[in-house]
Amino acid sequence: MIEARATARYIRTSAQKAGLVLDLIRGKDVNRALATLKFTRKGIAGDVAKVLRSAIANAQNKDGFSGDVDRLFVSACYANQGPSAKRVRPAPMGRAFRVLKRTAHLTIQVAERPEKVVAVAAPGGAGADGENRPKRPQRQKGQPRAEVRSQKAEGRSKKAKAKE
């Protein structure tokens, strides 16, 4: 299974705001994630889309990649806090307030979904244990539940007689 990652460092937003957008795409297929980011009304969505495209390109350049981008999905994405620039804002009566201009490091990891393995039926239509089991009686439309219970009890008594 191919995994690739891309990181954008020192993005001028807080890690909390970036995390809100990253939560929208976690676990989705890459095409669906790009579509989600395109219509997300957050300023950071464009930066996240750029990092996601970079992660897809990194996966395509790895050895062993199947070549099918549709099988890629966002396996992990997170925003770590970067360094904060400290600024001073004038306040009333000669005082000063400190302003933190936060940055974040965005990381997106994409992986290839494993191919689905389809179970092949055993010859003769037998189940996994090799025996054909009868189906349970199902309730018909309009049939009371008590009748189904009595049918089940009849089935149990037939099995007991067959064992004797």
Protein backbone atom coordinates (compact mmCIF):
# COMPACT_ATOMS: atom_id res chain seq x y z
CA MET A 1 0.00 0.00 0.00
CA ILE A 2 1.54 3.30 -1.13
CA GLU A 3 1.53 6.23 1.28
CA ALA A 4 2.69 9.75 0.49
CA ARG A 5 2.66 12.95 2.47
CA ALA A 6 2.98 16.67 1.84
CA THR A 7 3.58 19.44 4.34
CA ALA A 8 3.14 23.20 4.07
CA ARG A 9 4.95 25.07 6.82
CA TYR A 10 4.43 28.53 8.28
CA ILE A 11 0.94 29.04 6.83
CA ARG A 12 -0.43 32.29 8.20
CA THR A 13 -3.47 30.98 10.09
CA SER A 14 -4.08 29.37 13.43
CA ALA A 15 -3.89 25.58 13.74
CA GLN A 16 -7.42 25.54 15.14
CA LYS A 17 -8.91 27.24 12.07
CA ALA A 18 -6.98 24.95 9.73
CA GLY A 19 -8.12 21.92 11.71
CA LEU A 20 -11.76 22.77 11.02
CA VAL A 21 -11.18 22.48 7.28
CA LEU A 22 -8.97 19.39 7.59
CA ASP A 23 -11.74 17.62 9.51
CA LEU A 24 -13.95 17.96 6.42
CA ILE A 25 -11.64 15.91 4.19
CA ARG A 26 -10.22 13.28 6.56
CA GLY A 27 -10.94 9.77 5.27
CA LYS A 28 -12.42 10.90 1.93
CA ASP A 29 -11.30 9.96 -1.56
CA VAL A 30 -8.92 12.58 -2.98
CA ASN A 31 -11.29 13.66 -5.77
CA ARG A 32 -14.15 14.12 -3.31
CA ALA A 33 -11.83 15.96 -0.91
CA LEU A 34 -10.75 18.40 -3.64
CA ALA A 35 -14.39 19.03 -4.54
CA THR A 36 -15.21 19.64 -0.88
CA LEU A 37 -12.35 22.12 -0.54
CA LYS A 38 -13.39 23.94 -3.70
CA PHE A 39 -16.78 24.80 -2.18
CA THR A 40 -15.63 25.40 1.39
CA ARG A 41 -16.01 29.02 2.37
CA LYS A 42 -12.85 29.35 4.45
CA GLY A 43 -9.70 31.22 3.46
CA ILE A 44 -7.43 28.32 4.38
CA ALA A 45 -9.26 25.89 2.03
CA GLY A 46 -7.13 27.02 -0.92
CA ASP A 47 -3.90 26.28 0.96
CA VAL A 48 -5.21 22.88 2.05
CA ALA A 49 -6.15 22.03 -1.55
CA LYS A 50 -2.65 22.99 -2.69
CA VAL A 51 -1.08 20.65 -0.09
CA LEU A 52 -3.49 17.84 -1.06
CA ARG A 53 -2.52 18.16 -4.75
CA SER A 54 1.13 18.00 -3.72
CA ALA A 55 0.51 14.81 -1.70
CA ILE A 56 -1.25 13.24 -4.72
CA ALA A 57 1.72 14.14 -6.95
CA ASN A 58 4.12 12.65 -4.37
CA ALA A 59 2.13 9.40 -4.42
CA GLN A 60 2.20 9.26 -8.22
CA ASN A 61 6.00 9.58 -8.25
CA LYS A 62 6.54 6.76 -5.73
CA ASP A 63 7.69 3.34 -6.88
CA GLY A 64 4.95 0.74 -6.72
CA PHE A 65 2.08 3.13 -7.37
CA SER A 66 -0.68 1.44 -9.39
CA GLY A 67 -1.35 4.58 -11.45
CA ASP A 68 -5.01 4.84 -10.42
CA VAL A 69 -5.52 8.15 -8.61
CA ASP A 70 -9.14 7.19 -7.86
CA ARG A 71 -7.89 4.62 -5.34
CA LEU A 72 -6.12 7.29 -3.25
CA PHE A 73 -7.78 8.61 -0.09
CA VAL A 74 -6.81 11.04 2.67
CA SER A 75 -5.51 8.70 5.37
CA ALA A 76 -4.35 11.42 7.77
CA CYS A 77 -4.39 15.19 7.91
CA TYR A 78 -3.51 17.50 10.76
CA ALA A 79 -2.43 21.05 11.54
CA ASN A 80 0.39 21.60 14.01
CA GLN A 81 1.05 24.94 15.61
CA GLY A 82 3.96 26.90 14.17
CA PRO A 83 5.81 29.84 15.66
CA SER A 84 3.79 32.90 16.61
CA ALA A 85 4.94 36.39 15.68
CA LYS A 86 4.43 38.79 18.58
CA ARG A 87 3.26 42.30 17.76
CA VAL A 88 2.24 45.26 19.89
CA ARG A 89 -1.05 47.12 19.48
CA PRO A 90 -1.54 50.52 21.12
CA ALA A 91 -4.19 50.53 23.84
CA PRO A 92 -5.88 53.35 25.79
CA MET A 93 -4.04 55.38 28.41
CA GLY A 94 -0.55 54.69 27.05
CA ARG A 95 -0.76 50.93 27.47
CA ALA A 96 -0.05 48.27 24.84
CA PHE A 97 -1.77 45.00 24.01
CA ARG A 98 0.17 42.06 22.65
CA VAL A 99 -1.10 40.54 19.39
CA LEU A 100 -0.13 36.99 18.46
CA LYS A 101 0.06 36.39 14.73
CA ARG A 102 -0.15 32.62 14.63
CA THR A 103 1.19 30.21 12.01
CA ALA A 104 0.47 26.54 11.34
CA HIS A 105 2.13 23.58 9.67
CA LEU A 106 -0.35 21.62 7.50
CA THR A 107 0.34 17.93 6.83
CA ILE A 108 -1.76 15.70 4.59
CA GLN A 109 -1.07 12.01 4.07
CA VAL A 110 -2.71 10.04 1.26
CA ALA A 111 -2.75 6.26 0.89
CA GLU A 112 -3.92 3.76 -1.67
CA ARG A 113 -7.03 1.79 -0.80
CA PRO A 114 -6.37 -1.95 -0.90
CA GLU A 115 -8.18 -3.80 -3.65
CA LYS A 116 -11.33 -5.50 -2.47
CA VAL A 117 -10.99 -9.26 -2.28
CA VAL A 118 -14.08 -11.03 -3.57
CA ALA A 119 -14.86 -14.37 -1.94
CA VAL A 120 -15.42 -17.17 -4.44
CA ALA A 121 -18.21 -19.63 -3.61
CA ALA A 122 -17.16 -23.21 -2.92
CA PRO A 123 -18.10 -25.82 -5.55
CA GLY A 124 -21.58 -27.28 -5.10
CA GLY A 125 -22.97 -24.12 -3.51
CA ALA A 126 -21.92 -25.24 -0.01
CA GLY A 127 -21.18 -22.67 2.65
CA ALA A 128 -17.85 -22.14 4.33
CA ASP A 129 -18.39 -25.09 6.69
CA GLY A 130 -19.47 -27.41 3.86
CA GLU A 131 -23.10 -27.96 4.79
CA ASN A 132 -26.32 -26.45 3.45
CA ARG A 133 -28.38 -25.00 6.24
CA PRO A 134 -32.10 -24.32 5.78
CA LYS A 135 -33.22 -20.72 5.96
CA ARG A 136 -35.11 -19.42 8.97
CA PRO A 137 -38.82 -18.87 8.45
CA GLN A 138 -39.50 -15.24 7.59
CA ARG A 139 -42.59 -13.34 8.62
CA GLN A 140 -44.89 -12.64 5.68
CA LYS A 141 -46.62 -9.29 5.25
CA GLY A 142 -49.60 -9.17 7.60
CA GLN A 143 -48.61 -12.37 9.45
CA PRO A 144 -48.51 -12.04 13.24
CA ARG A 145 -45.20 -12.68 14.99
CA ALA A 146 -46.62 -15.53 17.06
CA GLU A 147 -47.12 -17.67 13.95
CA VAL A 148 -43.46 -17.28 12.97
CA ARG A 149 -42.43 -18.35 16.49
CA SER A 150 -44.61 -21.45 16.24
CA GLN A 151 -43.02 -22.28 12.85
CA LYS A 152 -39.59 -22.04 14.45
CA ALA A 153 -40.67 -24.37 17.27
CA GLU A 154 -41.98 -26.88 14.70
CA GLY A 155 -38.63 -26.79 12.93
CA ARG A 156 -36.83 -27.52 16.22
CA SER A 157 -39.07 -30.48 17.01
CA LYS A 158 -38.46 -31.93 13.50
CA LYS A 159 -34.70 -31.75 14.08
CA ALA A 160 -35.05 -33.53 17.44
CA LYS A 161 -37.08 -36.33 15.82
CA ALA A 162 -34.55 -36.66 13.00
CA LYS A 163 -31.69 -37.12 15.50
CA GLU A 164 -33.55 -39.96 17.31
